[in-house]
Amino acid sequence: MTNLRPKFWESVPLAKMTTPEWEALCDGCGKCCLNKIEYEDTGEVEYTRVACRLLDNETCRCSNYARRFEFVPECIRLNPKTLKKISYWLPATCAYKLLQQGKPLPDWHPLVTGDPLSTHTSGQSMRGQTVSEVTVDEAAWDDYIIQEDL
């Protein structure tokens, strides 16, 4: 986490962050890479334990972040403009969503703790809890719905 202004998330608007600052906001929880079921009639979104084929179940990071769009064309490029449109898809603890709402980062966030593993050690990540979408037919995603709030 070099080239980051001290506590930049407290004073720099999302649209004014540098690329390293923007990327540092990701806490590595893996929740945004979970496949979701959106009900067209209600707009309700449910998370499943079925993860993108590129999500590493242990690190909760993309296994090929630099080339993810080549392998997963439907992957969403998160930036200040797309954030406004898709924030309802992001978990309540997501730093991007929290800052967009004018809220502080959670006390377990790696930028706050200085510990890159704090998301995992605090129990806020999906580490070890996912199954790859390559092993689960989309028709069976209902069987993997996560009951607790994310």
Protein backbone atom coordinates (compact mmCIF):
# COMPACT_ATOMS: atom_id res chain seq x y z
CA MET A 1 0.00 0.00 0.00
CA THR A 2 2.53 2.52 -1.13
CA ASN A 3 1.76 5.84 -2.80
CA LEU A 4 -1.36 6.31 -0.70
CA ARG A 5 -2.15 9.58 0.99
CA PRO A 6 -2.65 9.21 4.76
CA LYS A 7 -6.29 8.39 5.55
CA PHE A 8 -7.25 9.43 2.01
CA TRP A 9 -10.65 7.72 2.38
CA GLU A 10 -11.64 10.30 4.99
CA SER A 11 -11.06 13.35 2.81
CA VAL A 12 -10.78 12.45 -0.87
CA PRO A 13 -13.99 11.98 -2.88
CA LEU A 14 -14.22 8.66 -4.70
CA ALA A 15 -13.99 10.36 -8.10
CA LYS A 16 -10.75 12.13 -7.08
CA MET A 17 -8.88 9.07 -5.80
CA THR A 18 -5.82 7.79 -7.59
CA THR A 19 -5.95 4.28 -9.03
CA PRO A 20 -3.87 2.85 -6.13
CA GLU A 21 -6.17 4.55 -3.61
CA TRP A 22 -9.29 3.26 -5.37
CA GLU A 23 -7.90 -0.27 -5.46
CA ALA A 24 -6.84 -0.08 -1.79
CA LEU A 25 -10.48 0.44 -0.79
CA CYS A 26 -11.22 -3.17 -1.63
CA ASP A 27 -11.12 -5.10 1.64
CA GLY A 28 -10.80 -8.49 -0.07
CA CYS A 29 -14.00 -9.95 1.35
CA GLY A 30 -14.94 -11.66 -1.94
CA LYS A 31 -18.62 -10.84 -1.55
CA CYS A 32 -18.87 -8.80 -4.74
CA CYS A 33 -17.67 -11.86 -6.68
CA LEU A 34 -20.52 -14.01 -5.43
CA ASN A 35 -23.22 -14.78 -7.94
CA LYS A 36 -26.49 -13.18 -7.03
CA ILE A 37 -30.09 -13.88 -7.83
CA GLU A 38 -32.12 -10.80 -8.66
CA TYR A 39 -35.89 -11.14 -8.70
CA GLU A 40 -37.25 -9.00 -11.53
CA ASP A 41 -40.70 -8.58 -9.96
CA THR A 42 -39.42 -7.21 -6.63
CA GLY A 43 -35.86 -6.07 -7.39
CA GLU A 44 -34.71 -8.11 -4.38
CA VAL A 45 -31.15 -9.45 -4.59
CA GLU A 46 -30.02 -12.60 -2.80
CA TYR A 47 -26.39 -13.63 -2.49
CA THR A 48 -25.30 -17.20 -3.13
CA ARG A 49 -22.15 -19.04 -2.09
CA VAL A 50 -21.55 -19.67 -5.80
CA ALA A 51 -18.56 -17.55 -6.75
CA CYS A 52 -17.14 -16.29 -10.00
CA ARG A 53 -14.86 -18.86 -11.59
CA LEU A 54 -11.89 -16.53 -11.04
CA LEU A 55 -12.40 -16.00 -7.30
CA ASP A 56 -9.71 -17.68 -5.20
CA ASN A 57 -11.63 -19.24 -2.30
CA GLU A 58 -8.71 -18.82 0.11
CA THR A 59 -7.52 -15.29 -0.65
CA CYS A 60 -10.95 -13.94 -1.70
CA ARG A 61 -9.18 -12.14 -4.56
CA CYS A 62 -9.51 -12.51 -8.29
CA SER A 63 -7.06 -15.11 -9.55
CA ASN A 64 -6.52 -13.13 -12.77
CA TYR A 65 -7.53 -9.56 -11.96
CA ALA A 66 -5.54 -7.95 -14.76
CA ARG A 67 -7.21 -10.09 -17.44
CA ARG A 68 -10.56 -10.78 -15.77
CA PHE A 69 -12.64 -9.25 -18.57
CA GLU A 70 -11.12 -11.65 -21.09
CA PHE A 71 -12.32 -14.62 -19.06
CA VAL A 72 -15.45 -13.12 -17.51
CA PRO A 73 -16.87 -10.56 -19.96
CA GLU A 74 -19.83 -9.91 -17.65
CA CYS A 75 -17.53 -8.86 -14.81
CA ILE A 76 -18.44 -5.33 -13.77
CA ARG A 77 -15.78 -2.64 -13.87
CA LEU A 78 -16.32 -0.77 -10.62
CA ASN A 79 -15.69 2.96 -10.81
CA PRO A 80 -17.50 6.04 -9.45
CA LYS A 81 -19.97 6.03 -12.37
CA THR A 82 -20.84 2.34 -12.27
CA LEU A 83 -20.95 2.41 -8.47
CA LYS A 84 -24.01 4.65 -8.59
CA LYS A 85 -25.82 2.13 -10.79
CA ILE A 86 -24.87 -1.09 -9.04
CA SER A 87 -24.33 -0.23 -5.38
CA TYR A 88 -27.41 -2.28 -4.48
CA TRP A 89 -25.42 -5.34 -5.64
CA LEU A 90 -22.61 -4.64 -3.20
CA PRO A 91 -22.60 -5.85 0.41
CA ALA A 92 -23.46 -3.40 3.18
CA THR A 93 -19.85 -3.48 4.40
CA CYS A 94 -18.31 -2.58 1.02
CA ALA A 95 -15.95 0.40 1.37
CA TYR A 96 -17.00 1.82 -2.00
CA LYS A 97 -20.66 1.72 -1.01
CA LEU A 98 -20.02 3.07 2.50
CA LEU A 99 -17.98 6.01 1.25
CA GLN A 100 -20.56 6.76 -1.43
CA GLN A 101 -23.13 6.94 1.38
CA GLY A 102 -20.90 9.24 3.46
CA LYS A 103 -20.21 6.54 6.07
CA PRO A 104 -16.85 5.57 7.60
CA LEU A 105 -14.94 2.39 6.88
CA PRO A 106 -15.57 -0.45 9.33
CA ASP A 107 -13.04 -0.82 12.13
CA TRP A 108 -11.83 -4.17 10.71
CA HIS A 109 -11.01 -2.73 7.25
CA PRO A 110 -7.33 -3.22 6.28
CA LEU A 111 -6.85 0.52 5.69
CA VAL A 112 -7.98 1.18 9.26
CA THR A 113 -6.13 -1.71 10.93
CA GLY A 114 -2.99 -1.66 8.79
CA ASP A 115 -3.31 -5.45 8.59
CA PRO A 116 -4.02 -6.84 5.10
CA LEU A 117 -5.59 -9.95 6.65
CA SER A 118 -7.96 -8.15 9.03
CA THR A 119 -11.00 -8.77 6.80
CA HIS A 120 -10.40 -12.51 7.16
CA THR A 121 -9.43 -12.54 10.83
CA SER A 122 -12.50 -10.48 11.72
CA GLY A 123 -14.77 -13.00 9.99
CA GLN A 124 -15.93 -10.52 7.34
CA SER A 125 -14.75 -12.45 4.28
CA MET A 126 -16.05 -15.41 2.32
CA ARG A 127 -12.77 -17.28 2.81
CA GLY A 128 -13.37 -21.02 2.55
CA GLN A 129 -17.13 -20.60 2.13
CA THR A 130 -17.61 -20.52 -1.63
CA VAL A 131 -18.04 -22.97 -4.45
CA SER A 132 -16.99 -22.15 -8.00
CA GLU A 133 -19.65 -21.44 -10.59
CA VAL A 134 -17.97 -24.00 -12.86
CA THR A 135 -19.16 -26.76 -10.52
CA VAL A 136 -22.76 -25.59 -9.96
CA ASP A 137 -25.46 -25.39 -12.60
CA GLU A 138 -27.19 -21.99 -12.56
CA ALA A 139 -30.54 -23.72 -12.01
CA ALA A 140 -29.22 -24.94 -8.64
CA TRP A 141 -28.06 -21.54 -7.33
CA ASP A 142 -31.18 -21.41 -5.12
CA ASP A 143 -29.61 -24.23 -3.09
CA TYR A 144 -26.68 -21.94 -2.22
CA ILE A 145 -28.53 -18.82 -1.09
CA ILE A 146 -26.87 -17.16 1.91
CA GLN A 147 -29.41 -16.56 4.66
CA GLU A 148 -27.51 -14.01 6.73
CA ASP A 149 -27.25 -10.37 5.72
CA LEU A 150 -24.11 -9.36 3.87
